Amino acid sequence: MLYESFGHQKEKSPELLGSILQRSLKRRGLEKRILGGKALLFWKDIVGPQIASQSSAFKFEGTTLFVKVKSPCWRNELFFLKKNIIDRLNQHIKKNLIKDIVFVNSEV
């Protein structure tokens, strides 16, 4: 108590750098963008080689992932798998961030 009365405060417990960084990113609104970027990077790993050969995630905006698909047939196929893909992506980034996937017909 006497120590504190001379203007010294009790020391706080050390904090992990990862916790400090995560809090800082969240305050600046960057956490979602970084996690969205992870979803783009891991698209191929999440969907596997067959789907990855026919599609490519290219943009993350808000809570939506945008994916280019080579053909309308594959677009329809992926539409039926969308919920499962969203669940797997969110599980991989450890956050329930992605709410929708928009499949766009385009050459990959």
PDB file of N, CA and C in Angstrom:
ATOM      1  N   MET A   1       0.817  -1.182   0.000  1.00  0.00           N
ATOM      2  CA  MET A   1       0.000   0.000   0.000  1.00  0.00           C
ATOM      3  C   MET A   1       0.868   1.256   0.000  1.00  0.00           C
ATOM      4  N   LEU A   2       1.883   1.278   0.848  1.00  0.00           N
ATOM      5  CA  LEU A   2       2.782   2.421   0.904  1.00  0.00           C
ATOM      6  C   LEU A   2       3.441   2.633  -0.454  1.00  0.00           C
ATOM      7  N   TYR A   3       3.785   1.521  -1.136  1.00  0.00           N
ATOM      8  CA  TYR A   3       4.424   1.565  -2.450  1.00  0.00           C
ATOM      9  C   TYR A   3       3.512   2.275  -3.447  1.00  0.00           C
ATOM     10  N   GLU A   4       2.222   1.974  -3.393  1.00  0.00           N
ATOM     11  CA  GLU A   4       1.256   2.578  -4.310  1.00  0.00           C
ATOM     12  C   GLU A   4       1.058   4.059  -4.006  1.00  0.00           C
ATOM     13  N   SER A   5       1.172   4.442  -2.764  1.00  0.00           N
ATOM     14  CA  SER A   5       0.940   5.838  -2.409  1.00  0.00           C
ATOM     15  C   SER A   5       2.024   6.761  -2.967  1.00  0.00           C
ATOM     16  N   PHE A   6       3.156   6.225  -3.376  1.00  0.00           N
ATOM     17  CA  PHE A   6       4.216   7.023  -3.987  1.00  0.00           C
ATOM     18  C   PHE A   6       4.098   7.078  -5.511  1.00  0.00           C
ATOM     19  N   GLY A   7       2.889   6.764  -6.025  1.00  0.00           N
ATOM     20  CA  GLY A   7       2.672   6.876  -7.461  1.00  0.00           C
ATOM     21  C   GLY A   7       2.984   5.614  -8.239  1.00  0.00           C
ATOM     22  N   HIS A   8       3.326   4.555  -7.580  1.00  0.00           N
ATOM     23  CA  HIS A   8       3.607   3.299  -8.261  1.00  0.00           C
ATOM     24  C   HIS A   8       2.343   2.445  -8.249  1.00  0.00           C
ATOM     25  N   GLN A   9       2.110   1.778  -9.330  1.00  0.00           N
ATOM     26  CA  GLN A   9       0.956   0.892  -9.405  1.00  0.00           C
ATOM     27  C   GLN A   9       1.440  -0.544  -9.428  1.00  0.00           C
ATOM     28  N   LYS A  10       0.547  -1.417  -9.010  1.00  0.00           N
ATOM     29  CA  LYS A  10       0.882  -2.837  -9.079  1.00  0.00           C
ATOM     30  C   LYS A  10       1.074  -3.220 -10.529  1.00  0.00           C
ATOM     31  N   GLU A  11       2.041  -4.081 -10.779  1.00  0.00           N
ATOM     32  CA  GLU A  11       2.282  -4.540 -12.145  1.00  0.00           C
ATOM     33  C   GLU A  11       1.194  -5.512 -12.568  1.00  0.00           C
ATOM     34  N   LYS A  12       0.790  -5.378 -13.819  1.00  0.00           N
ATOM     35  CA  LYS A  12      -0.183  -6.321 -14.372  1.00  0.00           C
ATOM     36  C   LYS A  12       0.545  -7.579 -14.808  1.00  0.00           C
ATOM     37  N   SER A  13      -0.197  -8.649 -14.879  1.00  0.00           N
ATOM     38  CA  SER A  13       0.387  -9.893 -15.376  1.00  0.00           C
ATOM     39  C   SER A  13       0.763  -9.710 -16.831  1.00  0.00           C
ATOM     40  N   PRO A  14       1.825 -10.352 -17.284  1.00  0.00           N
ATOM     41  CA  PRO A  14       2.206 -10.236 -18.694  1.00  0.00           C
ATOM     42  C   PRO A  14       1.104 -10.803 -19.588  1.00  0.00           C
ATOM     43  N   GLU A  15       0.973 -10.211 -20.759  1.00  0.00           N
ATOM     44  CA  GLU A  15      -0.062 -10.623 -21.700  1.00  0.00           C
ATOM     45  C   GLU A  15       0.603 -11.171 -22.950  1.00  0.00           C
ATOM     46  N   LEU A  16       0.001 -12.194 -23.522  1.00  0.00           N
ATOM     47  CA  LEU A  16       0.555 -12.779 -24.735  1.00  0.00           C
ATOM     48  C   LEU A  16       0.464 -11.784 -25.890  1.00  0.00           C
ATOM     49  N   LEU A  17       1.496 -11.733 -26.704  1.00  0.00           N
ATOM     50  CA  LEU A  17       1.539 -10.825 -27.845  1.00  0.00           C
ATOM     51  C   LEU A  17       0.389 -11.097 -28.808  1.00  0.00           C
ATOM     52  N   GLY A  18       0.042 -12.369 -28.994  1.00  0.00           N
ATOM     53  CA  GLY A  18      -1.061 -12.725 -29.884  1.00  0.00           C
ATOM     54  C   GLY A  18      -2.379 -12.116 -29.439  1.00  0.00           C
ATOM     55  N   SER A  19      -2.616 -12.077 -28.141  1.00  0.00           N
ATOM     56  CA  SER A  19      -3.839 -11.476 -27.594  1.00  0.00           C
ATOM     57  C   SER A  19      -3.866  -9.974 -27.841  1.00  0.00           C
ATOM     58  N   ILE A  20      -2.728  -9.339 -27.636  1.00  0.00           N
ATOM     59  CA  ILE A  20      -2.630  -7.896 -27.856  1.00  0.00           C
ATOM     60  C   ILE A  20      -2.861  -7.576 -29.334  1.00  0.00           C
ATOM     61  N   LEU A  21      -2.238  -8.347 -30.210  1.00  0.00           N
ATOM     62  CA  LEU A  21      -2.367  -8.133 -31.651  1.00  0.00           C
ATOM     63  C   LEU A  21      -3.809  -8.340 -32.110  1.00  0.00           C
ATOM     64  N   GLN A  22      -4.434  -9.403 -31.639  1.00  0.00           N
ATOM     65  CA  GLN A  22      -5.817  -9.687 -32.026  1.00  0.00           C
ATOM     66  C   GLN A  22      -6.747  -8.560 -31.576  1.00  0.00           C
ATOM     67  N   ARG A  23      -6.579  -8.084 -30.364  1.00  0.00           N
ATOM     68  CA  ARG A  23      -7.404  -6.988 -29.852  1.00  0.00           C
ATOM     69  C   ARG A  23      -7.191  -5.722 -30.678  1.00  0.00           C
ATOM     70  N   SER A  24      -5.955  -5.450 -31.039  1.00  0.00           N
ATOM     71  CA  SER A  24      -5.624  -4.276 -31.842  1.00  0.00           C
ATOM     72  C   SER A  24      -6.250  -4.358 -33.235  1.00  0.00           C
ATOM     73  N   LEU A  25      -6.164  -5.536 -33.860  1.00  0.00           N
ATOM     74  CA  LEU A  25      -6.755  -5.724 -35.185  1.00  0.00           C
ATOM     75  C   LEU A  25      -8.264  -5.556 -35.136  1.00  0.00           C
ATOM     76  N   LYS A  26      -8.878  -6.078 -34.090  1.00  0.00           N
ATOM     77  CA  LYS A  26     -10.329  -5.978 -33.932  1.00  0.00           C
ATOM     78  C   LYS A  26     -10.740  -4.520 -33.787  1.00  0.00           C
ATOM     79  N   ARG A  27     -10.005  -3.760 -32.976  1.00  0.00           N
ATOM     80  CA  ARG A  27     -10.316  -2.342 -32.773  1.00  0.00           C
ATOM     81  C   ARG A  27     -10.219  -1.557 -34.072  1.00  0.00           C
ATOM     82  N   ARG A  28      -9.315  -1.931 -34.929  1.00  0.00           N
ATOM     83  CA  ARG A  28      -9.123  -1.213 -36.189  1.00  0.00           C
ATOM     84  C   ARG A  28      -9.996  -1.773 -37.316  1.00  0.00           C
ATOM     85  N   GLY A  29     -10.794  -2.777 -37.019  1.00  0.00           N
ATOM     86  CA  GLY A  29     -11.690  -3.344 -38.024  1.00  0.00           C
ATOM     87  C   GLY A  29     -10.990  -4.229 -39.043  1.00  0.00           C
ATOM     88  N   LEU A  30      -9.814  -4.711 -38.722  1.00  0.00           N
ATOM     89  CA  LEU A  30      -9.042  -5.509 -39.677  1.00  0.00           C
ATOM     90  C   LEU A  30      -9.213  -7.017 -39.485  1.00  0.00           C
ATOM     91  N   GLU A  31      -9.723  -7.434 -38.356  1.00  0.00           N
ATOM     92  CA  GLU A  31      -9.820  -8.865 -38.067  1.00  0.00           C
ATOM     93  C   GLU A  31     -10.650  -9.596 -39.129  1.00  0.00           C
ATOM     94  N   LYS A  32     -11.811  -9.041 -39.485  1.00  0.00           N
ATOM     95  CA  LYS A  32     -12.670  -9.688 -40.486  1.00  0.00           C
ATOM     96  C   LYS A  32     -11.976  -9.780 -41.840  1.00  0.00           C
ATOM     97  N   ARG A  33     -11.260  -8.731 -42.205  1.00  0.00           N
ATOM     98  CA  ARG A  33     -10.570  -8.742 -43.503  1.00  0.00           C
ATOM     99  C   ARG A  33      -9.472  -9.804 -43.535  1.00  0.00           C
ATOM    100  N   ILE A  34      -8.777  -9.943 -42.430  1.00  0.00           N
ATOM    101  CA  ILE A  34      -7.706 -10.946 -42.361  1.00  0.00           C
ATOM    102  C   ILE A  34      -8.297 -12.352 -42.413  1.00  0.00           C
ATOM    103  N   LEU A  35      -9.375 -12.588 -41.655  1.00  0.00           N
ATOM    104  CA  LEU A  35     -10.013 -13.905 -41.678  1.00  0.00           C
ATOM    105  C   LEU A  35     -10.623 -14.196 -43.052  1.00  0.00           C
ATOM    106  N   GLY A  36     -11.184 -13.184 -43.689  1.00  0.00           N
ATOM    107  CA  GLY A  36     -11.700 -13.356 -45.052  1.00  0.00           C
ATOM    108  C   GLY A  36     -10.585 -13.707 -46.016  1.00  0.00           C
ATOM    109  N   GLY A  37      -9.441 -13.075 -45.827  1.00  0.00           N
ATOM    110  CA  GLY A  37      -8.273 -13.403 -46.652  1.00  0.00           C
ATOM    111  C   GLY A  37      -7.818 -14.833 -46.444  1.00  0.00           C
ATOM    112  N   LYS A  38      -7.928 -15.312 -45.210  1.00  0.00           N
ATOM    113  CA  LYS A  38      -7.587 -16.718 -44.931  1.00  0.00           C
ATOM    114  C   LYS A  38      -8.528 -17.654 -45.682  1.00  0.00           C
ATOM    115  N   ALA A  39      -9.810 -17.294 -45.713  1.00  0.00           N
ATOM    116  CA  ALA A  39     -10.782 -18.121 -46.432  1.00  0.00           C
ATOM    117  C   ALA A  39     -10.414 -18.199 -47.908  1.00  0.00           C
ATOM    118  N   LEU A  40      -9.970 -17.087 -48.480  1.00  0.00           N
ATOM    119  CA  LEU A  40      -9.531 -17.086 -49.882  1.00  0.00           C
ATOM    120  C   LEU A  40      -8.322 -18.002 -50.070  1.00  0.00           C
ATOM    121  N   LEU A  41      -7.367 -17.874 -49.169  1.00  0.00           N
ATOM    122  CA  LEU A  41      -6.142 -18.673 -49.280  1.00  0.00           C
ATOM    123  C   LEU A  41      -6.392 -20.167 -49.137  1.00  0.00           C
ATOM    124  N   PHE A  42      -7.311 -20.537 -48.261  1.00  0.00           N
ATOM    125  CA  PHE A  42      -7.527 -21.952 -47.971  1.00  0.00           C
ATOM    126  C   PHE A  42      -8.661 -22.579 -48.773  1.00  0.00           C
ATOM    127  N   TRP A  43      -9.208 -21.852 -49.745  1.00  0.00           N
ATOM    128  CA  TRP A  43     -10.306 -22.388 -50.562  1.00  0.00           C
ATOM    129  C   TRP A  43      -9.969 -23.777 -51.107  1.00  0.00           C
ATOM    130  N   LYS A  44      -8.807 -23.892 -51.738  1.00  0.00           N
ATOM    131  CA  LYS A  44      -8.406 -25.164 -52.363  1.00  0.00           C
ATOM    132  C   LYS A  44      -8.307 -26.293 -51.334  1.00  0.00           C
ATOM    133  N   ASP A  45      -7.775 -25.996 -50.172  1.00  0.00           N
ATOM    134  CA  ASP A  45      -7.641 -27.011 -49.126  1.00  0.00           C
ATOM    135  C   ASP A  45      -9.000 -27.451 -48.595  1.00  0.00           C
ATOM    136  N   ILE A  46      -9.915 -26.512 -48.489  1.00  0.00           N
ATOM    137  CA  ILE A  46     -11.236 -26.807 -47.924  1.00  0.00           C
ATOM    138  C   ILE A  46     -12.097 -27.612 -48.894  1.00  0.00           C
ATOM    139  N   VAL A  47     -12.132 -27.209 -50.164  1.00  0.00           N
ATOM    140  CA  VAL A  47     -13.043 -27.866 -51.112  1.00  0.00           C
ATOM    141  C   VAL A  47     -12.432 -29.081 -51.794  1.00  0.00           C
ATOM    142  N   GLY A  48     -11.120 -29.213 -51.747  1.00  0.00           N
ATOM    143  CA  GLY A  48     -10.458 -30.356 -52.372  1.00  0.00           C
ATOM    144  C   GLY A  48     -10.084 -30.085 -53.823  1.00  0.00           C
ATOM    145  N   PRO A  49      -9.246 -30.958 -54.377  1.00  0.00           N
ATOM    146  CA  PRO A  49      -8.683 -30.715 -55.713  1.00  0.00           C
ATOM    147  C   PRO A  49      -9.709 -30.722 -56.851  1.00  0.00           C
ATOM    148  N   GLN A  50     -10.720 -31.563 -56.766  1.00  0.00           N
ATOM    149  CA  GLN A  50     -11.693 -31.639 -57.862  1.00  0.00           C
ATOM    150  C   GLN A  50     -12.479 -30.330 -57.989  1.00  0.00           C
ATOM    151  N   ILE A  51     -13.023 -29.862 -56.882  1.00  0.00           N
ATOM    152  CA  ILE A  51     -13.789 -28.607 -56.916  1.00  0.00           C
ATOM    153  C   ILE A  51     -12.849 -27.429 -57.179  1.00  0.00           C
ATOM    154  N   ALA A  52     -11.663 -27.449 -56.591  1.00  0.00           N
ATOM    155  CA  ALA A  52     -10.699 -26.370 -56.789  1.00  0.00           C
ATOM    156  C   ALA A  52     -10.267 -26.253 -58.247  1.00  0.00           C
ATOM    157  N   SER A  53     -10.277 -27.354 -58.981  1.00  0.00           N
ATOM    158  CA  SER A  53      -9.903 -27.293 -60.404  1.00  0.00           C
ATOM    159  C   SER A  53     -10.991 -26.616 -61.237  1.00  0.00           C
ATOM    160  N   GLN A  54     -12.191 -26.493 -60.665  1.00  0.00           N
ATOM    161  CA  GLN A  54     -13.313 -25.893 -61.380  1.00  0.00           C
ATOM    162  C   GLN A  54     -13.737 -24.536 -60.817  1.00  0.00           C
ATOM    163  N   SER A  55     -13.088 -24.110 -59.739  1.00  0.00           N
ATOM    164  CA  SER A  55     -13.511 -22.880 -59.073  1.00  0.00           C
ATOM    165  C   SER A  55     -12.331 -22.174 -58.418  1.00  0.00           C
ATOM    166  N   SER A  56     -12.560 -20.890 -58.116  1.00  0.00           N
ATOM    167  CA  SER A  56     -11.516 -20.097 -57.473  1.00  0.00           C
ATOM    168  C   SER A  56     -12.160 -18.974 -56.653  1.00  0.00           C
ATOM    169  N   ALA A  57     -11.887 -18.954 -55.352  1.00  0.00           N
ATOM    170  CA  ALA A  57     -12.368 -17.858 -54.511  1.00  0.00           C
ATOM    171  C   ALA A  57     -11.529 -16.627 -54.836  1.00  0.00           C
ATOM    172  N   PHE A  58     -12.193 -15.493 -55.074  1.00  0.00           N
ATOM    173  CA  PHE A  58     -11.438 -14.317 -55.500  1.00  0.00           C
ATOM    174  C   PHE A  58     -11.699 -13.058 -54.679  1.00  0.00           C
ATOM    175  N   LYS A  59     -12.752 -13.033 -53.854  1.00  0.00           N
ATOM    176  CA  LYS A  59     -13.035 -11.809 -53.105  1.00  0.00           C
ATOM    177  C   LYS A  59     -13.835 -12.144 -51.853  1.00  0.00           C
ATOM    178  N   PHE A  60     -13.551 -11.392 -50.802  1.00  0.00           N
ATOM    179  CA  PHE A  60     -14.334 -11.488 -49.572  1.00  0.00           C
ATOM    180  C   PHE A  60     -14.802 -10.087 -49.231  1.00  0.00           C
ATOM    181  N   GLU A  61     -16.117  -9.937 -49.041  1.00  0.00           N
ATOM    182  CA  GLU A  61     -16.681  -8.611 -48.764  1.00  0.00           C
ATOM    183  C   GLU A  61     -17.790  -8.747 -47.721  1.00  0.00           C
ATOM    184  N   GLY A  62     -17.666  -8.032 -46.613  1.00  0.00           N
ATOM    185  CA  GLY A  62     -18.654  -8.134 -45.538  1.00  0.00           C
ATOM    186  C   GLY A  62     -18.606  -9.518 -44.916  1.00  0.00           C
ATOM    187  N   THR A  63     -19.626 -10.314 -45.193  1.00  0.00           N
ATOM    188  CA  THR A  63     -19.657 -11.709 -44.726  1.00  0.00           C
ATOM    189  C   THR A  63     -19.843 -12.667 -45.896  1.00  0.00           C
ATOM    190  N   THR A  64     -19.552 -12.176 -47.111  1.00  0.00           N
ATOM    191  CA  THR A  64     -19.783 -12.959 -48.325  1.00  0.00           C
ATOM    192  C   THR A  64     -18.477 -13.267 -49.046  1.00  0.00           C
ATOM    193  N   LEU A  65     -18.327 -14.519 -49.421  1.00  0.00           N
ATOM    194  CA  LEU A  65     -17.193 -14.972 -50.218  1.00  0.00           C
ATOM    195  C   LEU A  65     -17.654 -15.085 -51.668  1.00  0.00           C
ATOM    196  N   PHE A  66     -16.869 -14.568 -52.599  1.00  0.00           N
ATOM    197  CA  PHE A  66     -17.191 -14.633 -54.015  1.00  0.00           C
ATOM    198  C   PHE A  66     -16.263 -15.645 -54.691  1.00  0.00           C
ATOM    199  N   VAL A  67     -16.871 -16.520 -55.485  1.00  0.00           N
ATOM    200  CA  VAL A  67     -16.128 -17.621 -56.096  1.00  0.00           C
ATOM    201  C   VAL A  67     -16.436 -17.679 -57.594  1.00  0.00           C
ATOM    202  N   LYS A  68     -15.376 -17.686 -58.400  1.00  0.00           N
ATOM    203  CA  LYS A  68     -15.523 -17.875 -59.848  1.00  0.00           C
ATOM    204  C   LYS A  68     -15.651 -19.365 -60.127  1.00  0.00           C
ATOM    205  N   VAL A  69     -16.557 -19.719 -61.027  1.00  0.00           N
ATOM    206  CA  VAL A  69     -16.796 -21.117 -61.380  1.00  0.00           C
ATOM    207  C   VAL A  69     -16.728 -21.253 -62.896  1.00  0.00           C
ATOM    208  N   LYS A  70     -16.095 -22.334 -63.378  1.00  0.00           N
ATOM    209  CA  LYS A  70     -15.856 -22.515 -64.813  1.00  0.00           C
ATOM    210  C   LYS A  70     -17.104 -22.719 -65.649  1.00  0.00           C
ATOM    211  N   SER A  71     -18.122 -23.334 -65.094  1.00  0.00           N
ATOM    212  CA  SER A  71     -19.302 -23.634 -65.913  1.00  0.00           C
ATOM    213  C   SER A  71     -20.581 -23.532 -65.095  1.00  0.00           C
ATOM    214  N   PRO A  72     -21.702 -23.313 -65.782  1.00  0.00           N
ATOM    215  CA  PRO A  72     -22.989 -23.277 -65.080  1.00  0.00           C
ATOM    216  C   PRO A  72     -23.308 -24.595 -64.367  1.00  0.00           C
ATOM    217  N   CYS A  73     -22.874 -25.710 -64.927  1.00  0.00           N
ATOM    218  CA  CYS A  73     -23.108 -27.011 -64.280  1.00  0.00           C
ATOM    219  C   CYS A  73     -22.413 -27.070 -62.928  1.00  0.00           C
ATOM    220  N   TRP A  74     -21.155 -26.636 -62.882  1.00  0.00           N
ATOM    221  CA  TRP A  74     -20.414 -26.622 -61.615  1.00  0.00           C
ATOM    222  C   TRP A  74     -20.997 -25.589 -60.664  1.00  0.00           C
ATOM    223  N   ARG A  75     -21.473 -24.483 -61.198  1.00  0.00           N
ATOM    224  CA  ARG A  75     -22.109 -23.470 -60.350  1.00  0.00           C
ATOM    225  C   ARG A  75     -23.317 -24.074 -59.629  1.00  0.00           C
ATOM    226  N   ASN A  76     -24.139 -24.809 -60.357  1.00  0.00           N
ATOM    227  CA  ASN A  76     -25.303 -25.466 -59.750  1.00  0.00           C
ATOM    228  C   ASN A  76     -24.881 -26.501 -58.713  1.00  0.00           C
ATOM    229  N   GLU A  77     -23.872 -27.272 -59.035  1.00  0.00           N
ATOM    230  CA  GLU A  77     -23.372 -28.293 -58.105  1.00  0.00           C
ATOM    231  C   GLU A  77     -22.891 -27.654 -56.800  1.00  0.00           C
ATOM    232  N   LEU A  78     -22.123 -26.578 -56.924  1.00  0.00           N
ATOM    233  CA  LEU A  78     -21.595 -25.899 -55.743  1.00  0.00           C
ATOM    234  C   LEU A  78     -22.703 -25.214 -54.945  1.00  0.00           C
ATOM    235  N   PHE A  79     -23.734 -24.762 -55.631  1.00  0.00           N
ATOM    236  CA  PHE A  79     -24.858 -24.153 -54.932  1.00  0.00           C
ATOM    237  C   PHE A  79     -25.453 -25.141 -53.920  1.00  0.00           C
ATOM    238  N   PHE A  80     -25.554 -26.408 -54.305  1.00  0.00           N
ATOM    239  CA  PHE A  80     -26.106 -27.428 -53.410  1.00  0.00           C
ATOM    240  C   PHE A  80     -25.141 -27.793 -52.273  1.00  0.00           C
ATOM    241  N   LEU A  81     -23.870 -27.526 -52.470  1.00  0.00           N
ATOM    242  CA  LEU A  81     -22.856 -27.811 -51.440  1.00  0.00           C
ATOM    243  C   LEU A  81     -22.525 -26.582 -50.584  1.00  0.00           C
ATOM    244  N   LYS A  82     -23.160 -25.458 -50.891  1.00  0.00           N
ATOM    245  CA  LYS A  82     -22.806 -24.181 -50.271  1.00  0.00           C
ATOM    246  C   LYS A  82     -22.812 -24.231 -48.740  1.00  0.00           C
ATOM    247  N   LYS A  83     -23.843 -24.726 -48.132  1.00  0.00           N
ATOM    248  CA  LYS A  83     -23.946 -24.747 -46.666  1.00  0.00           C
ATOM    249  C   LYS A  83     -22.770 -25.521 -46.052  1.00  0.00           C
ATOM    250  N   ASN A  84     -22.474 -26.670 -46.632  1.00  0.00           N
ATOM    251  CA  ASN A  84     -21.366 -27.488 -46.142  1.00  0.00           C
ATOM    252  C   ASN A  84     -20.027 -26.761 -46.300  1.00  0.00           C
ATOM    253  N   ILE A  85     -19.839 -26.100 -47.426  1.00  0.00           N
ATOM    254  CA  ILE A  85     -18.593 -25.366 -47.673  1.00  0.00           C
ATOM    255  C   ILE A  85     -18.456 -24.209 -46.682  1.00  0.00           C
ATOM    256  N   ILE A  86     -19.545 -23.479 -46.458  1.00  0.00           N
ATOM    257  CA  ILE A  86     -19.525 -22.369 -45.494  1.00  0.00           C
ATOM    258  C   ILE A  86     -19.144 -22.885 -44.104  1.00  0.00           C
ATOM    259  N   ASP A  87     -19.762 -23.973 -43.694  1.00  0.00           N
ATOM    260  CA  ASP A  87     -19.456 -24.556 -42.381  1.00  0.00           C
ATOM    261  C   ASP A  87     -17.985 -24.941 -42.267  1.00  0.00           C
ATOM    262  N   ARG A  88     -17.455 -25.562 -43.309  1.00  0.00           N
ATOM    263  CA  ARG A  88     -16.050 -25.991 -43.280  1.00  0.00           C
ATOM    264  C   ARG A  88     -15.090 -24.803 -43.279  1.00  0.00           C
ATOM    265  N   LEU A  89     -15.410 -23.761 -44.052  1.00  0.00           N
ATOM    266  CA  LEU A  89     -14.565 -22.562 -44.066  1.00  0.00           C
ATOM    267  C   LEU A  89     -14.564 -21.887 -42.691  1.00  0.00           C
ATOM    268  N   ASN A  90     -15.744 -21.713 -42.115  1.00  0.00           N
ATOM    269  CA  ASN A  90     -15.835 -21.088 -40.793  1.00  0.00           C
ATOM    270  C   ASN A  90     -15.107 -21.906 -39.734  1.00  0.00           C
ATOM    271  N   GLN A  91     -15.206 -23.205 -39.837  1.00  0.00           N
ATOM    272  CA  GLN A  91     -14.501 -24.077 -38.900  1.00  0.00           C
ATOM    273  C   GLN A  91     -12.991 -23.900 -39.060  1.00  0.00           C
ATOM    274  N   HIS A  92     -12.545 -23.766 -40.277  1.00  0.00           N
ATOM    275  CA  HIS A  92     -11.119 -23.632 -40.551  1.00  0.00           C
ATOM    276  C   HIS A  92     -10.556 -22.300 -40.029  1.00  0.00           C
ATOM    277  N   ILE A  93     -11.326 -21.219 -40.177  1.00  0.00           N
ATOM    278  CA  ILE A  93     -10.844 -19.917 -39.696  1.00  0.00           C
ATOM    279  C   ILE A  93     -11.215 -19.678 -38.227  1.00  0.00           C
ATOM    280  N   LYS A  94     -11.914 -20.652 -37.639  1.00  0.00           N
ATOM    281  CA  LYS A  94     -12.275 -20.625 -36.213  1.00  0.00           C
ATOM    282  C   LYS A  94     -13.133 -19.417 -35.837  1.00  0.00           C
ATOM    283  N   LYS A  95     -14.026 -19.055 -36.731  1.00  0.00           N
ATOM    284  CA  LYS A  95     -14.940 -17.938 -36.477  1.00  0.00           C
ATOM    285  C   LYS A  95     -16.130 -18.085 -37.414  1.00  0.00           C
ATOM    286  N   ASN A  96     -17.315 -17.780 -36.918  1.00  0.00           N
ATOM    287  CA  ASN A  96     -18.524 -17.870 -37.732  1.00  0.00           C
ATOM    288  C   ASN A  96     -18.687 -16.571 -38.522  1.00  0.00           C
ATOM    289  N   LEU A  97     -17.829 -16.374 -39.507  1.00  0.00           N
ATOM    290  CA  LEU A  97     -17.737 -15.117 -40.234  1.00  0.00           C
ATOM    291  C   LEU A  97     -18.455 -15.166 -41.582  1.00  0.00           C
ATOM    292  N   ILE A  98     -18.248 -16.252 -42.308  1.00  0.00           N
ATOM    293  CA  ILE A  98     -18.805 -16.355 -43.659  1.00  0.00           C
ATOM    294  C   ILE A  98     -20.261 -16.782 -43.562  1.00  0.00           C
ATOM    295  N   LYS A  99     -21.131 -15.953 -44.116  1.00  0.00           N
ATOM    296  CA  LYS A  99     -22.571 -16.226 -44.064  1.00  0.00           C
ATOM    297  C   LYS A  99     -23.114 -16.656 -45.428  1.00  0.00           C
ATOM    298  N   ASP A 100     -22.410 -16.289 -46.500  1.00  0.00           N
ATOM    299  CA  ASP A 100     -22.909 -16.604 -47.836  1.00  0.00           C
ATOM    300  C   ASP A 100     -21.739 -16.763 -48.803  1.00  0.00           C
ATOM    301  N   ILE A 101     -21.989 -17.503 -49.862  1.00  0.00           N
ATOM    302  CA  ILE A 101     -21.044 -17.625 -50.969  1.00  0.00           C
ATOM    303  C   ILE A 101     -21.813 -17.297 -52.234  1.00  0.00           C
ATOM    304  N   VAL A 102     -21.244 -16.419 -53.045  1.00  0.00           N
ATOM    305  CA  VAL A 102     -21.835 -16.084 -54.338  1.00  0.00           C
ATOM    306  C   VAL A 102     -20.957 -16.727 -55.404  1.00  0.00           C
ATOM    307  N   PHE A 103     -21.581 -17.587 -56.207  1.00  0.00           N
ATOM    308  CA  PHE A 103     -20.853 -18.268 -57.287  1.00  0.00           C
ATOM    309  C   PHE A 103     -21.102 -17.515 -58.589  1.00  0.00           C
ATOM    310  N   VAL A 104     -20.010 -17.154 -59.249  1.00  0.00           N
ATOM    311  CA  VAL A 104     -20.061 -16.362 -60.466  1.00  0.00           C
ATOM    312  C   VAL A 104     -19.545 -17.205 -61.622  1.00  0.00           C
ATOM    313  N   ASN A 105     -20.319 -17.274 -62.715  1.00  0.00           N
ATOM    314  CA  ASN A 105     -19.850 -17.997 -63.906  1.00  0.00           C
ATOM    315  C   ASN A 105     -18.713 -17.209 -64.536  1.00  0.00           C
ATOM    316  N   SER A 106     -17.584 -17.861 -64.672  1.00  0.00           N
ATOM    317  CA  SER A 106     -16.419 -17.192 -65.226  1.00  0.00           C
ATOM    318  C   SER A 106     -15.330 -18.213 -65.487  1.00  0.00           C
ATOM    319  N   GLU A 107     -14.483 -17.909 -66.432  1.00  0.00           N
ATOM    320  CA  GLU A 107     -13.308 -18.756 -66.648  1.00  0.00           C
ATOM    321  C   GLU A 107     -12.355 -18.560 -65.483  1.00  0.00           C
ATOM    322  N   VAL A 108     -11.875 -19.653 -64.927  1.00  0.00           N
ATOM    323  CA  VAL A 108     -10.973 -19.584 -63.779  1.00  0.00           C
ATOM    324  C   VAL A 108      -9.557 -19.440 -64.255  1.00  0.00           C
TER     325      VAL A 108
END
